[in-house]
């Protein structure tokens, strides 16, 4: 998992050694919602869908992967 984490850049954390999380901060709900919608479009295109938590001024993504990181 560390090899994959190194490729992702800053802000991502490994949770329970099997999934990734990152929280994004925004100035208001509208910006967070717009980001959520962009993530949704990208997820549909990739066929890989994260869990998305949307709140006022923040979005948290939780992502599982089956990619081998060995």
C-alpha atoms as a PDB file:
ATOM      1  CA  UNK A   1       0.000   0.000   0.000  1.00  0.00           C
ATOM      2  CA  UNK A   2       2.914   2.375   0.685  1.00  0.00           C
ATOM      3  CA  UNK A   3       4.029   2.265  -2.949  1.00  0.00           C
ATOM      4  CA  UNK A   4       0.564   3.348  -4.068  1.00  0.00           C
ATOM      5  CA  UNK A   5       0.392   6.030  -1.373  1.00  0.00           C
ATOM      6  CA  UNK A   6       3.700   7.495  -2.561  1.00  0.00           C
ATOM      7  CA  UNK A   7       2.232   7.892  -6.053  1.00  0.00           C
ATOM      8  CA  UNK A   8      -0.840   9.781  -4.823  1.00  0.00           C
ATOM      9  CA  UNK A   9       0.831  12.777  -3.266  1.00  0.00           C
ATOM     10  CA  UNK A  10       0.066  14.731  -0.135  1.00  0.00           C
ATOM     11  CA  UNK A  11      -2.948  14.406   2.078  1.00  0.00           C
ATOM     12  CA  UNK A  12      -3.869  10.755   1.581  1.00  0.00           C
ATOM     13  CA  UNK A  13      -3.762   8.387   4.539  1.00  0.00           C
ATOM     14  CA  UNK A  14      -3.909   4.599   4.736  1.00  0.00           C
ATOM     15  CA  UNK A  15      -6.652   3.338   7.062  1.00  0.00           C
ATOM     16  CA  UNK A  16      -6.517  -0.161   8.547  1.00  0.00           C
ATOM     17  CA  UNK A  17      -3.946  -1.103   5.896  1.00  0.00           C
ATOM     18  CA  UNK A  18      -6.652  -1.593   3.247  1.00  0.00           C
ATOM     19  CA  UNK A  19      -8.151   1.695   2.109  1.00  0.00           C
ATOM     20  CA  UNK A  20      -7.213   5.300   1.475  1.00  0.00           C
ATOM     21  CA  UNK A  21      -8.783   8.524   2.733  1.00  0.00           C
ATOM     22  CA  UNK A  22      -8.345  12.197   2.012  1.00  0.00           C
ATOM     23  CA  UNK A  23     -10.268  15.233   3.219  1.00  0.00           C
ATOM     24  CA  UNK A  24     -10.619  18.371   1.113  1.00  0.00           C
ATOM     25  CA  UNK A  25     -11.557  21.765   2.627  1.00  0.00           C
ATOM     26  CA  UNK A  26     -13.602  24.477   0.901  1.00  0.00           C
ATOM     27  CA  UNK A  27     -14.901  27.931   1.772  1.00  0.00           C
ATOM     28  CA  UNK A  28     -18.558  26.945   1.547  1.00  0.00           C
ATOM     29  CA  UNK A  29     -21.038  24.197   0.752  1.00  0.00           C
ATOM     30  CA  UNK A  30     -21.366  25.095  -2.950  1.00  0.00           C
ATOM     31  CA  UNK A  31     -17.634  24.592  -3.604  1.00  0.00           C
ATOM     32  CA  UNK A  32     -17.676  21.273  -1.747  1.00  0.00           C
ATOM     33  CA  UNK A  33     -20.733  20.171  -3.727  1.00  0.00           C
ATOM     34  CA  UNK A  34     -19.153  21.167  -7.052  1.00  0.00           C
ATOM     35  CA  UNK A  35     -16.050  19.141  -6.170  1.00  0.00           C
ATOM     36  CA  UNK A  36     -18.233  16.173  -5.186  1.00  0.00           C
ATOM     37  CA  UNK A  37     -19.994  16.307  -8.547  1.00  0.00           C
ATOM     38  CA  UNK A  38     -16.650  16.393 -10.402  1.00  0.00           C
ATOM     39  CA  UNK A  39     -15.443  13.389  -8.396  1.00  0.00           C
ATOM     40  CA  UNK A  40     -18.677  11.593  -9.261  1.00  0.00           C
ATOM     41  CA  UNK A  41     -18.208  12.186 -12.985  1.00  0.00           C
ATOM     42  CA  UNK A  42     -14.603  10.974 -12.854  1.00  0.00           C
ATOM     43  CA  UNK A  43     -15.593   7.921 -10.802  1.00  0.00           C
ATOM     44  CA  UNK A  44     -18.259   6.990 -13.354  1.00  0.00           C
ATOM     45  CA  UNK A  45     -15.773   7.339 -16.201  1.00  0.00           C
ATOM     46  CA  UNK A  46     -13.228   5.148 -14.384  1.00  0.00           C
ATOM     47  CA  UNK A  47     -15.748   2.612 -13.083  1.00  0.00           C
ATOM     48  CA  UNK A  48     -14.212   2.924  -9.609  1.00  0.00           C
ATOM     49  CA  UNK A  49     -16.409   4.615  -7.024  1.00  0.00           C
ATOM     50  CA  UNK A  50     -15.193   6.055  -3.711  1.00  0.00           C
ATOM     51  CA  UNK A  51     -17.349   6.639  -0.687  1.00  0.00           C
ATOM     52  CA  UNK A  52     -17.973  10.378  -0.514  1.00  0.00           C
ATOM     53  CA  UNK A  53     -18.805  12.322   2.645  1.00  0.00           C
ATOM     54  CA  UNK A  54     -20.067  15.835   1.891  1.00  0.00           C
ATOM     55  CA  UNK A  55     -20.516  18.490   4.571  1.00  0.00           C
ATOM     56  CA  UNK A  56     -20.401  22.259   4.724  1.00  0.00           C
ATOM     57  CA  UNK A  57     -16.932  23.232   3.497  1.00  0.00           C
ATOM     58  CA  UNK A  58     -15.473  19.741   3.282  1.00  0.00           C
ATOM     59  CA  UNK A  59     -15.463  16.503   1.348  1.00  0.00           C
ATOM     60  CA  UNK A  60     -13.886  13.255   2.524  1.00  0.00           C
ATOM     61  CA  UNK A  61     -13.126  10.511   0.017  1.00  0.00           C
ATOM     62  CA  UNK A  62     -12.624   6.891   1.044  1.00  0.00           C
ATOM     63  CA  UNK A  63     -11.250   4.626  -1.640  1.00  0.00           C
ATOM     64  CA  UNK A  64     -10.613   0.895  -1.765  1.00  0.00           C
ATOM     65  CA  UNK A  65      -8.353  -0.617  -4.385  1.00  0.00           C
ATOM     66  CA  UNK A  66      -7.637  -4.139  -5.552  1.00  0.00           C
ATOM     67  CA  UNK A  67      -4.460  -3.057  -7.295  1.00  0.00           C
ATOM     68  CA  UNK A  68      -1.375  -5.003  -6.294  1.00  0.00           C
ATOM     69  CA  UNK A  69       1.067  -2.751  -4.472  1.00  0.00           C
ATOM     70  CA  UNK A  70       3.813  -5.347  -3.903  1.00  0.00           C
END
